[in-house]
Amino acid sequence: MKKLNVLLVCGSGASSGFMASNVRKAATGRNLEISIKARGEAEIENYMDEIDALMIGPHLAYILDEIEDYLQDRPVKVLLMKPEYYSTLNGEAALDDLLTLF
């Protein structure tokens, strides 16, 4: 698998920072090359040309339509994270979910 560039988004960016860190640790433990950045939702457009996947906090489901507009024909996979692992910041479960897209 090639190196994946992932953008992880939640509202303000605080919890997404912890989640990104936990996914990074999980990926390192599995010898996977994943670059994961945590940003606020307002910054999504700035990263669309650089990423392979976009992970979105479960409370942001309402922005999925907007994201489809940003994507246009870009081959970016979009994952709405599940509340059960997002709420506990479970990086292993989040990584498992992400990998199902590839």
PDB file of N, CA and C in Angstrom:
ATOM      1  N   MET A   1       0.849  -1.182   0.000  1.00  0.00           N
ATOM      2  CA  MET A   1       0.000   0.000   0.000  1.00  0.00           C
ATOM      3  C   MET A   1       0.891   1.241   0.000  1.00  0.00           C
ATOM      4  N   LYS A   2       0.561   2.213  -0.831  1.00  0.00           N
ATOM      5  CA  LYS A   2       1.350   3.441  -0.850  1.00  0.00           C
ATOM      6  C   LYS A   2       1.035   4.267   0.402  1.00  0.00           C
ATOM      7  N   LYS A   3       1.857   5.256   0.628  1.00  0.00           N
ATOM      8  CA  LYS A   3       1.617   6.127   1.778  1.00  0.00           C
ATOM      9  C   LYS A   3       0.282   6.843   1.590  1.00  0.00           C
ATOM     10  N   LEU A   4      -0.519   6.859   2.645  1.00  0.00           N
ATOM     11  CA  LEU A   4      -1.804   7.544   2.598  1.00  0.00           C
ATOM     12  C   LEU A   4      -1.695   8.908   3.260  1.00  0.00           C
ATOM     13  N   ASN A   5      -2.288   9.900   2.619  1.00  0.00           N
ATOM     14  CA  ASN A   5      -2.396  11.226   3.215  1.00  0.00           C
ATOM     15  C   ASN A   5      -3.842  11.425   3.626  1.00  0.00           C
ATOM     16  N   VAL A   6      -4.030  11.646   4.923  1.00  0.00           N
ATOM     17  CA  VAL A   6      -5.370  11.700   5.486  1.00  0.00           C
ATOM     18  C   VAL A   6      -5.580  13.033   6.200  1.00  0.00           C
ATOM     19  N   LEU A   7      -6.769  13.589   6.029  1.00  0.00           N
ATOM     20  CA  LEU A   7      -7.173  14.772   6.776  1.00  0.00           C
ATOM     21  C   LEU A   7      -8.296  14.345   7.702  1.00  0.00           C
ATOM     22  N   LEU A   8      -8.136  14.664   8.990  1.00  0.00           N
ATOM     23  CA  LEU A   8      -9.138  14.311   9.987  1.00  0.00           C
ATOM     24  C   LEU A   8      -9.769  15.610  10.481  1.00  0.00           C
ATOM     25  N   VAL A   9     -11.079  15.676  10.445  1.00  0.00           N
ATOM     26  CA  VAL A   9     -11.777  16.917  10.748  1.00  0.00           C
ATOM     27  C   VAL A   9     -12.847  16.706  11.808  1.00  0.00           C
ATOM     28  N   CYS A  10     -12.824  17.599  12.800  1.00  0.00           N
ATOM     29  CA  CYS A  10     -13.966  17.666  13.712  1.00  0.00           C
ATOM     30  C   CYS A  10     -14.289  19.151  13.811  1.00  0.00           C
ATOM     31  N   GLY A  11     -15.104  19.555  14.714  1.00  0.00           N
ATOM     32  CA  GLY A  11     -15.494  20.961  14.773  1.00  0.00           C
ATOM     33  C   GLY A  11     -14.326  21.909  14.923  1.00  0.00           C
ATOM     34  N   SER A  12     -13.804  22.017  16.132  1.00  0.00           N
ATOM     35  CA  SER A  12     -12.773  23.013  16.418  1.00  0.00           C
ATOM     36  C   SER A  12     -11.361  22.500  16.158  1.00  0.00           C
ATOM     37  N   GLY A  13     -11.186  21.203  16.200  1.00  0.00           N
ATOM     38  CA  GLY A  13      -9.855  20.652  15.973  1.00  0.00           C
ATOM     39  C   GLY A  13      -9.192  20.099  17.219  1.00  0.00           C
ATOM     40  N   ALA A  14      -9.788  20.293  18.394  1.00  0.00           N
ATOM     41  CA  ALA A  14      -9.160  19.804  19.631  1.00  0.00           C
ATOM     42  C   ALA A  14      -9.195  18.283  19.711  1.00  0.00           C
ATOM     43  N   SER A  15     -10.384  17.692  19.684  1.00  0.00           N
ATOM     44  CA  SER A  15     -10.465  16.234  19.784  1.00  0.00           C
ATOM     45  C   SER A  15      -9.875  15.568  18.548  1.00  0.00           C
ATOM     46  N   SER A  16      -9.937  16.237  17.404  1.00  0.00           N
ATOM     47  CA  SER A  16      -9.375  15.618  16.198  1.00  0.00           C
ATOM     48  C   SER A  16      -7.864  15.478  16.320  1.00  0.00           C
ATOM     49  N   GLY A  17      -7.215  16.371  17.045  1.00  0.00           N
ATOM     50  CA  GLY A  17      -5.776  16.262  17.271  1.00  0.00           C
ATOM     51  C   GLY A  17      -5.424  14.996  18.030  1.00  0.00           C
ATOM     52  N   PHE A  18      -6.205  14.698  19.063  1.00  0.00           N
ATOM     53  CA  PHE A  18      -5.974  13.471  19.836  1.00  0.00           C
ATOM     54  C   PHE A  18      -6.271  12.237  18.989  1.00  0.00           C
ATOM     55  N   MET A  19      -7.361  12.291  18.231  1.00  0.00           N
ATOM     56  CA  MET A  19      -7.736  11.153  17.401  1.00  0.00           C
ATOM     57  C   MET A  19      -6.674  10.914  16.333  1.00  0.00           C
ATOM     58  N   ALA A  20      -6.200  11.973  15.700  1.00  0.00           N
ATOM     59  CA  ALA A  20      -5.154  11.839  14.674  1.00  0.00           C
ATOM     60  C   ALA A  20      -3.907  11.195  15.270  1.00  0.00           C
ATOM     61  N   SER A  21      -3.539  11.627  16.463  1.00  0.00           N
ATOM     62  CA  SER A  21      -2.370  11.075  17.137  1.00  0.00           C
ATOM     63  C   SER A  21      -2.553   9.583  17.408  1.00  0.00           C
ATOM     64  N   ASN A  22      -3.746   9.189  17.836  1.00  0.00           N
ATOM     65  CA  ASN A  22      -4.011   7.780  18.136  1.00  0.00           C
ATOM     66  C   ASN A  22      -4.042   6.920  16.872  1.00  0.00           C
ATOM     67  N   VAL A  23      -4.558   7.458  15.770  1.00  0.00           N
ATOM     68  CA  VAL A  23      -4.544   6.722  14.497  1.00  0.00           C
ATOM     69  C   VAL A  23      -3.100   6.582  14.007  1.00  0.00           C
ATOM     70  N   ARG A  24      -2.318   7.654  14.170  1.00  0.00           N
ATOM     71  CA  ARG A  24      -0.906   7.630  13.786  1.00  0.00           C
ATOM     72  C   ARG A  24      -0.175   6.513  14.543  1.00  0.00           C
ATOM     73  N   LYS A  25      -0.410   6.437  15.859  1.00  0.00           N
ATOM     74  CA  LYS A  25       0.237   5.392  16.680  1.00  0.00           C
ATOM     75  C   LYS A  25      -0.181   4.005  16.207  1.00  0.00           C
ATOM     76  N   ALA A  26      -1.471   3.845  15.918  1.00  0.00           N
ATOM     77  CA  ALA A  26      -1.978   2.546  15.456  1.00  0.00           C
ATOM     78  C   ALA A  26      -1.324   2.167  14.128  1.00  0.00           C
ATOM     79  N   ALA A  27      -1.201   3.137  13.220  1.00  0.00           N
ATOM     80  CA  ALA A  27      -0.589   2.879  11.911  1.00  0.00           C
ATOM     81  C   ALA A  27       0.882   2.502  12.069  1.00  0.00           C
ATOM     82  N   THR A  28       1.591   3.218  12.929  1.00  0.00           N
ATOM     83  CA  THR A  28       3.004   2.922  13.171  1.00  0.00           C
ATOM     84  C   THR A  28       3.163   1.507  13.712  1.00  0.00           C
ATOM     85  N   GLY A  29       2.273   1.118  14.604  1.00  0.00           N
ATOM     86  CA  GLY A  29       2.313  -0.229  15.183  1.00  0.00           C
ATOM     87  C   GLY A  29       2.091  -1.323  14.149  1.00  0.00           C
ATOM     88  N   ARG A  30       1.455  -0.970  13.047  1.00  0.00           N
ATOM     89  CA  ARG A  30       1.194  -1.944  11.977  1.00  0.00           C
ATOM     90  C   ARG A  30       2.133  -1.739  10.783  1.00  0.00           C
ATOM     91  N   ASN A  31       3.135  -0.896  10.954  1.00  0.00           N
ATOM     92  CA  ASN A  31       4.080  -0.587   9.875  1.00  0.00           C
ATOM     93  C   ASN A  31       3.391  -0.041   8.628  1.00  0.00           C
ATOM     94  N   LEU A  32       2.380   0.787   8.809  1.00  0.00           N
ATOM     95  CA  LEU A  32       1.697   1.429   7.692  1.00  0.00           C
ATOM     96  C   LEU A  32       2.168   2.872   7.586  1.00  0.00           C
ATOM     97  N   GLU A  33       2.339   3.321   6.357  1.00  0.00           N
ATOM     98  CA  GLU A  33       2.733   4.718   6.146  1.00  0.00           C
ATOM     99  C   GLU A  33       1.494   5.566   5.954  1.00  0.00           C
ATOM    100  N   ILE A  34       1.140   6.293   7.003  1.00  0.00           N
ATOM    101  CA  ILE A  34      -0.027   7.168   6.933  1.00  0.00           C
ATOM    102  C   ILE A  34       0.354   8.516   7.520  1.00  0.00           C
ATOM    103  N   SER A  35       0.145   9.545   6.735  1.00  0.00           N
ATOM    104  CA  SER A  35       0.329  10.910   7.215  1.00  0.00           C
ATOM    105  C   SER A  35      -1.075  11.423   7.525  1.00  0.00           C
ATOM    106  N   ILE A  36      -1.280  11.849   8.761  1.00  0.00           N
ATOM    107  CA  ILE A  36      -2.626  12.282   9.136  1.00  0.00           C
ATOM    108  C   ILE A  36      -2.569  13.646   9.806  1.00  0.00           C
ATOM    109  N   LYS A  37      -3.320  14.587   9.249  1.00  0.00           N
ATOM    110  CA  LYS A  37      -3.376  15.946   9.790  1.00  0.00           C
ATOM    111  C   LYS A  37      -4.760  16.169  10.380  1.00  0.00           C
ATOM    112  N   ALA A  38      -4.809  16.893  11.485  1.00  0.00           N
ATOM    113  CA  ALA A  38      -6.090  17.256  12.098  1.00  0.00           C
ATOM    114  C   ALA A  38      -6.322  18.743  11.872  1.00  0.00           C
ATOM    115  N   ARG A  39      -7.489  19.070  11.343  1.00  0.00           N
ATOM    116  CA  ARG A  39      -7.828  20.471  11.073  1.00  0.00           C
ATOM    117  C   ARG A  39      -9.300  20.709  11.378  1.00  0.00           C
ATOM    118  N   GLY A  40      -9.661  21.972  11.439  1.00  0.00           N
ATOM    119  CA  GLY A  40     -11.066  22.335  11.611  1.00  0.00           C
ATOM    120  C   GLY A  40     -11.786  22.237  10.281  1.00  0.00           C
ATOM    121  N   GLU A  41     -13.106  22.124  10.333  1.00  0.00           N
ATOM    122  CA  GLU A  41     -13.872  21.914   9.096  1.00  0.00           C
ATOM    123  C   GLU A  41     -13.709  23.038   8.083  1.00  0.00           C
ATOM    124  N   ALA A  42     -13.424  24.250   8.540  1.00  0.00           N
ATOM    125  CA  ALA A  42     -13.290  25.391   7.629  1.00  0.00           C
ATOM    126  C   ALA A  42     -12.104  25.238   6.679  1.00  0.00           C
ATOM    127  N   GLU A  43     -11.170  24.353   7.024  1.00  0.00           N
ATOM    128  CA  GLU A  43      -9.953  24.210   6.223  1.00  0.00           C
ATOM    129  C   GLU A  43      -9.997  23.080   5.198  1.00  0.00           C
ATOM    130  N   ILE A  44     -11.091  22.347   5.138  1.00  0.00           N
ATOM    131  CA  ILE A  44     -11.163  21.179   4.251  1.00  0.00           C
ATOM    132  C   ILE A  44     -10.759  21.505   2.816  1.00  0.00           C
ATOM    133  N   GLU A  45     -11.321  22.570   2.272  1.00  0.00           N
ATOM    134  CA  GLU A  45     -11.050  22.907   0.866  1.00  0.00           C
ATOM    135  C   GLU A  45      -9.566  23.062   0.564  1.00  0.00           C
ATOM    136  N   ASN A  46      -8.809  23.572   1.542  1.00  0.00           N
ATOM    137  CA  ASN A  46      -7.374  23.824   1.345  1.00  0.00           C
ATOM    138  C   ASN A  46      -6.568  22.550   1.127  1.00  0.00           C
ATOM    139  N   TYR A  47      -7.106  21.408   1.529  1.00  0.00           N
ATOM    140  CA  TYR A  47      -6.341  20.156   1.490  1.00  0.00           C
ATOM    141  C   TYR A  47      -6.821  19.162   0.435  1.00  0.00           C
ATOM    142  N   MET A  48      -7.880  19.475  -0.271  1.00  0.00           N
ATOM    143  CA  MET A  48      -8.499  18.517  -1.185  1.00  0.00           C
ATOM    144  C   MET A  48      -7.551  17.930  -2.233  1.00  0.00           C
ATOM    145  N   ASP A  49      -6.549  18.712  -2.669  1.00  0.00           N
ATOM    146  CA  ASP A  49      -5.640  18.202  -3.698  1.00  0.00           C
ATOM    147  C   ASP A  49      -4.479  17.393  -3.119  1.00  0.00           C
ATOM    148  N   GLU A  50      -4.363  17.354  -1.802  1.00  0.00           N
ATOM    149  CA  GLU A  50      -3.216  16.695  -1.172  1.00  0.00           C
ATOM    150  C   GLU A  50      -3.565  15.376  -0.503  1.00  0.00           C
ATOM    151  N   ILE A  51      -4.852  15.070  -0.362  1.00  0.00           N
ATOM    152  CA  ILE A  51      -5.219  13.928   0.476  1.00  0.00           C
ATOM    153  C   ILE A  51      -5.813  12.767  -0.311  1.00  0.00           C
ATOM    154  N   ASP A  52      -5.692  11.582   0.307  1.00  0.00           N
ATOM    155  CA  ASP A  52      -6.299  10.362  -0.227  1.00  0.00           C
ATOM    156  C   ASP A  52      -7.613  10.068   0.492  1.00  0.00           C
ATOM    157  N   ALA A  53      -7.705  10.532   1.740  1.00  0.00           N
ATOM    158  CA  ALA A  53      -8.898  10.247   2.532  1.00  0.00           C
ATOM    159  C   ALA A  53      -9.199  11.406   3.476  1.00  0.00           C
ATOM    160  N   LEU A  54     -10.490  11.546   3.745  1.00  0.00           N
ATOM    161  CA  LEU A  54     -10.983  12.566   4.663  1.00  0.00           C
ATOM    162  C   LEU A  54     -11.797  11.854   5.721  1.00  0.00           C
ATOM    163  N   MET A  55     -11.379  11.980   6.983  1.00  0.00           N
ATOM    164  CA  MET A  55     -12.108  11.381   8.103  1.00  0.00           C
ATOM    165  C   MET A  55     -12.857  12.509   8.812  1.00  0.00           C
ATOM    166  N   ILE A  56     -14.151  12.307   9.005  1.00  0.00           N
ATOM    167  CA  ILE A  56     -14.993  13.364   9.552  1.00  0.00           C
ATOM    168  C   ILE A  56     -15.616  12.903  10.864  1.00  0.00           C
ATOM    169  N   GLY A  57     -15.600  13.781  11.848  1.00  0.00           N
ATOM    170  CA  GLY A  57     -16.238  13.482  13.132  1.00  0.00           C
ATOM    171  C   GLY A  57     -17.721  13.199  12.928  1.00  0.00           C
ATOM    172  N   PRO A  58     -18.278  12.268  13.715  1.00  0.00           N
ATOM    173  CA  PRO A  58     -19.671  11.852  13.520  1.00  0.00           C
ATOM    174  C   PRO A  58     -20.680  12.994  13.662  1.00  0.00           C
ATOM    175  N   HIS A  59     -20.338  13.984  14.452  1.00  0.00           N
ATOM    176  CA  HIS A  59     -21.246  15.125  14.658  1.00  0.00           C
ATOM    177  C   HIS A  59     -21.267  16.085  13.468  1.00  0.00           C
ATOM    178  N   LEU A  60     -20.435  15.821  12.463  1.00  0.00           N
ATOM    179  CA  LEU A  60     -20.395  16.689  11.276  1.00  0.00           C
ATOM    180  C   LEU A  60     -21.055  16.052  10.059  1.00  0.00           C
ATOM    181  N   ALA A  61     -21.895  15.063  10.288  1.00  0.00           N
ATOM    182  CA  ALA A  61     -22.556  14.376   9.163  1.00  0.00           C
ATOM    183  C   ALA A  61     -23.256  15.370   8.237  1.00  0.00           C
ATOM    184  N   TYR A  62     -23.717  16.480   8.793  1.00  0.00           N
ATOM    185  CA  TYR A  62     -24.464  17.459   7.996  1.00  0.00           C
ATOM    186  C   TYR A  62     -23.612  18.141   6.919  1.00  0.00           C
ATOM    187  N   ILE A  63     -22.285  18.034   6.986  1.00  0.00           N
ATOM    188  CA  ILE A  63     -21.459  18.694   5.958  1.00  0.00           C
ATOM    189  C   ILE A  63     -21.113  17.764   4.793  1.00  0.00           C
ATOM    190  N   LEU A  64     -21.609  16.531   4.816  1.00  0.00           N
ATOM    191  CA  LEU A  64     -21.259  15.581   3.758  1.00  0.00           C
ATOM    192  C   LEU A  64     -21.643  16.076   2.366  1.00  0.00           C
ATOM    193  N   ASP A  65     -22.787  16.731   2.235  1.00  0.00           N
ATOM    194  CA  ASP A  65     -23.189  17.251   0.921  1.00  0.00           C
ATOM    195  C   ASP A  65     -22.212  18.309   0.419  1.00  0.00           C
ATOM    196  N   GLU A  66     -21.798  19.195   1.335  1.00  0.00           N
ATOM    197  CA  GLU A  66     -20.820  20.232   0.975  1.00  0.00           C
ATOM    198  C   GLU A  66     -19.520  19.591   0.503  1.00  0.00           C
ATOM    199  N   ILE A  67     -19.114  18.538   1.187  1.00  0.00           N
ATOM    200  CA  ILE A  67     -17.858  17.870   0.860  1.00  0.00           C
ATOM    201  C   ILE A  67     -17.930  17.268  -0.542  1.00  0.00           C
ATOM    202  N   GLU A  68     -19.072  16.701  -0.886  1.00  0.00           N
ATOM    203  CA  GLU A  68     -19.244  16.181  -2.247  1.00  0.00           C
ATOM    204  C   GLU A  68     -18.987  17.285  -3.269  1.00  0.00           C
ATOM    205  N   ASP A  69     -19.443  18.499  -2.964  1.00  0.00           N
ATOM    206  CA  ASP A  69     -19.212  19.637  -3.859  1.00  0.00           C
ATOM    207  C   ASP A  69     -17.726  19.967  -3.963  1.00  0.00           C
ATOM    208  N   TYR A  70     -17.024  19.962  -2.829  1.00  0.00           N
ATOM    209  CA  TYR A  70     -15.583  20.262  -2.836  1.00  0.00           C
ATOM    210  C   TYR A  70     -14.826  19.227  -3.649  1.00  0.00           C
ATOM    211  N   LEU A  71     -15.210  17.965  -3.506  1.00  0.00           N
ATOM    212  CA  LEU A  71     -14.467  16.873  -4.122  1.00  0.00           C
ATOM    213  C   LEU A  71     -14.484  16.925  -5.637  1.00  0.00           C
ATOM    214  N   GLN A  72     -15.628  17.281  -6.202  1.00  0.00           N
ATOM    215  CA  GLN A  72     -15.823  17.211  -7.647  1.00  0.00           C
ATOM    216  C   GLN A  72     -15.358  15.844  -8.140  1.00  0.00           C
ATOM    217  N   ASP A  73     -14.328  15.773  -8.974  1.00  0.00           N
ATOM    218  CA  ASP A  73     -13.905  14.464  -9.475  1.00  0.00           C
ATOM    219  C   ASP A  73     -12.649  13.935  -8.799  1.00  0.00           C
ATOM    220  N   ARG A  74     -12.277  14.533  -7.684  1.00  0.00           N
ATOM    221  CA  ARG A  74     -11.066  14.062  -7.001  1.00  0.00           C
ATOM    222  C   ARG A  74     -11.310  12.670  -6.413  1.00  0.00           C
ATOM    223  N   PRO A  75     -10.268  11.830  -6.407  1.00  0.00           N
ATOM    224  CA  PRO A  75     -10.426  10.452  -5.917  1.00  0.00           C
ATOM    225  C   PRO A  75     -10.262  10.326  -4.397  1.00  0.00           C
ATOM    226  N   VAL A  76     -10.803  11.266  -3.648  1.00  0.00           N
ATOM    227  CA  VAL A  76     -10.651  11.254  -2.190  1.00  0.00           C
ATOM    228  C   VAL A  76     -11.756  10.402  -1.563  1.00  0.00           C
ATOM    229  N   LYS A  77     -11.359   9.475  -0.698  1.00  0.00           N
ATOM    230  CA  LYS A  77     -12.326   8.642   0.031  1.00  0.00           C
ATOM    231  C   LYS A  77     -12.797   9.435   1.243  1.00  0.00           C
ATOM    232  N   VAL A  78     -14.089   9.351   1.538  1.00  0.00           N
ATOM    233  CA  VAL A  78     -14.642  10.081   2.672  1.00  0.00           C
ATOM    234  C   VAL A  78     -15.193   9.087   3.682  1.00  0.00           C
ATOM    235  N   LEU A  79     -14.768   9.246   4.935  1.00  0.00           N
ATOM    236  CA  LEU A  79     -15.209   8.358   6.011  1.00  0.00           C
ATOM    237  C   LEU A  79     -15.867   9.184   7.105  1.00  0.00           C
ATOM    238  N   LEU A  80     -17.121   8.911   7.359  1.00  0.00           N
ATOM    239  CA  LEU A  80     -17.794   9.499   8.515  1.00  0.00           C
ATOM    240  C   LEU A  80     -17.491   8.561   9.681  1.00  0.00           C
ATOM    241  N   MET A  81     -16.695   9.048  10.629  1.00  0.00           N
ATOM    242  CA  MET A  81     -16.272   8.189  11.733  1.00  0.00           C
ATOM    243  C   MET A  81     -17.465   7.776  12.598  1.00  0.00           C
ATOM    244  N   LYS A  82     -17.362   6.589  13.161  1.00  0.00           N
ATOM    245  CA  LYS A  82     -18.446   6.048  13.987  1.00  0.00           C
ATOM    246  C   LYS A  82     -18.330   6.585  15.418  1.00  0.00           C
ATOM    247  N   PRO A  83     -19.473   6.957  16.000  1.00  0.00           N
ATOM    248  CA  PRO A  83     -19.456   7.506  17.366  1.00  0.00           C
ATOM    249  C   PRO A  83     -18.806   6.572  18.384  1.00  0.00           C
ATOM    250  N   GLU A  84     -18.960   5.246  18.184  1.00  0.00           N
ATOM    251  CA  GLU A  84     -18.441   4.331  19.209  1.00  0.00           C
ATOM    252  C   GLU A  84     -16.923   4.374  19.349  1.00  0.00           C
ATOM    253  N   TYR A  85     -16.184   4.622  18.283  1.00  0.00           N
ATOM    254  CA  TYR A  85     -14.727   4.756  18.470  1.00  0.00           C
ATOM    255  C   TYR A  85     -14.300   6.203  18.551  1.00  0.00           C
ATOM    256  N   TYR A  86     -15.060   7.094  17.950  1.00  0.00           N
ATOM    257  CA  TYR A  86     -14.690   8.515  18.011  1.00  0.00           C
ATOM    258  C   TYR A  86     -14.783   9.035  19.443  1.00  0.00           C
ATOM    259  N   SER A  87     -15.840   8.657  20.134  1.00  0.00           N
ATOM    260  CA  SER A  87     -16.056   9.164  21.499  1.00  0.00           C
ATOM    261  C   SER A  87     -14.982   8.685  22.469  1.00  0.00           C
ATOM    262  N   THR A  88     -14.371   7.538  22.176  1.00  0.00           N
ATOM    263  CA  THR A  88     -13.312   7.018  23.043  1.00  0.00           C
ATOM    264  C   THR A  88     -11.928   7.279  22.456  1.00  0.00           C
ATOM    265  N   LEU A  89     -11.880   7.970  21.307  1.00  0.00           N
ATOM    266  CA  LEU A  89     -10.619   8.275  20.617  1.00  0.00           C
ATOM    267  C   LEU A  89      -9.806   7.008  20.348  1.00  0.00           C
ATOM    268  N   ASN A  90     -10.505   5.951  19.935  1.00  0.00           N
ATOM    269  CA  ASN A  90      -9.876   4.654  19.678  1.00  0.00           C
ATOM    270  C   ASN A  90      -9.226   4.651  18.287  1.00  0.00           C
ATOM    271  N   GLY A  91      -7.929   4.883  18.268  1.00  0.00           N
ATOM    272  CA  GLY A  91      -7.196   4.973  17.008  1.00  0.00           C
ATOM    273  C   GLY A  91      -7.154   3.669  16.234  1.00  0.00           C
ATOM    274  N   GLU A  92      -7.096   2.533  16.937  1.00  0.00           N
ATOM    275  CA  GLU A  92      -7.069   1.216  16.270  1.00  0.00           C
ATOM    276  C   GLU A  92      -8.362   0.992  15.490  1.00  0.00           C
ATOM    277  N   ALA A  93      -9.491   1.261  16.131  1.00  0.00           N
ATOM    278  CA  ALA A  93     -10.796   1.048  15.477  1.00  0.00           C
ATOM    279  C   ALA A  93     -10.980   2.038  14.321  1.00  0.00           C
ATOM    280  N   ALA A  94     -10.524   3.268  14.514  1.00  0.00           N
ATOM    281  CA  ALA A  94     -10.632   4.275  13.454  1.00  0.00           C
ATOM    282  C   ALA A  94      -9.784   3.856  12.248  1.00  0.00           C
ATOM    283  N   LEU A  95      -8.597   3.341  12.519  1.00  0.00           N
ATOM    284  CA  LEU A  95      -7.713   2.884  11.440  1.00  0.00           C
ATOM    285  C   LEU A  95      -8.345   1.704  10.703  1.00  0.00           C
ATOM    286  N   ASP A  96      -8.921   0.763  11.446  1.00  0.00           N
ATOM    287  CA  ASP A  96      -9.601  -0.378  10.817  1.00  0.00           C
ATOM    288  C   ASP A  96     -10.678   0.125   9.859  1.00  0.00           C
ATOM    289  N   ASP A  97     -11.469   1.102  10.328  1.00  0.00           N
ATOM    290  CA  ASP A  97     -12.557   1.646   9.519  1.00  0.00           C
ATOM    291  C   ASP A  97     -11.993   2.318   8.274  1.00  0.00           C
ATOM    292  N   LEU A  98     -10.944   3.106   8.449  1.00  0.00           N
ATOM    293  CA  LEU A  98     -10.306   3.791   7.327  1.00  0.00           C
ATOM    294  C   LEU A  98      -9.800   2.795   6.292  1.00  0.00           C
ATOM    295  N   LEU A  99      -9.165   1.741   6.730  1.00  0.00           N
ATOM    296  CA  LEU A  99      -8.562   0.782   5.808  1.00  0.00           C
ATOM    297  C   LEU A  99      -9.595   0.022   4.991  1.00  0.00           C
ATOM    298  N   THR A 100     -10.842  -0.029   5.454  1.00  0.00           N
ATOM    299  CA  THR A 100     -11.887  -0.704   4.661  1.00  0.00           C
ATOM    300  C   THR A 100     -12.152   0.043   3.355  1.00  0.00           C
ATOM    301  N   LEU A 101     -11.752   1.327   3.280  1.00  0.00           N
ATOM    302  CA  LEU A 101     -11.985   2.111   2.065  1.00  0.00           C
ATOM    303  C   LEU A 101     -10.967   1.824   0.971  1.00  0.00           C
ATOM    304  N   PHE A 102      -9.857   1.179   1.340  1.00  0.00           N
ATOM    305  CA  PHE A 102      -8.760   0.997   0.380  1.00  0.00           C
ATOM    306  C   PHE A 102      -8.519  -0.461   0.015  1.00  0.00           C
TER     307      PHE A 102
END
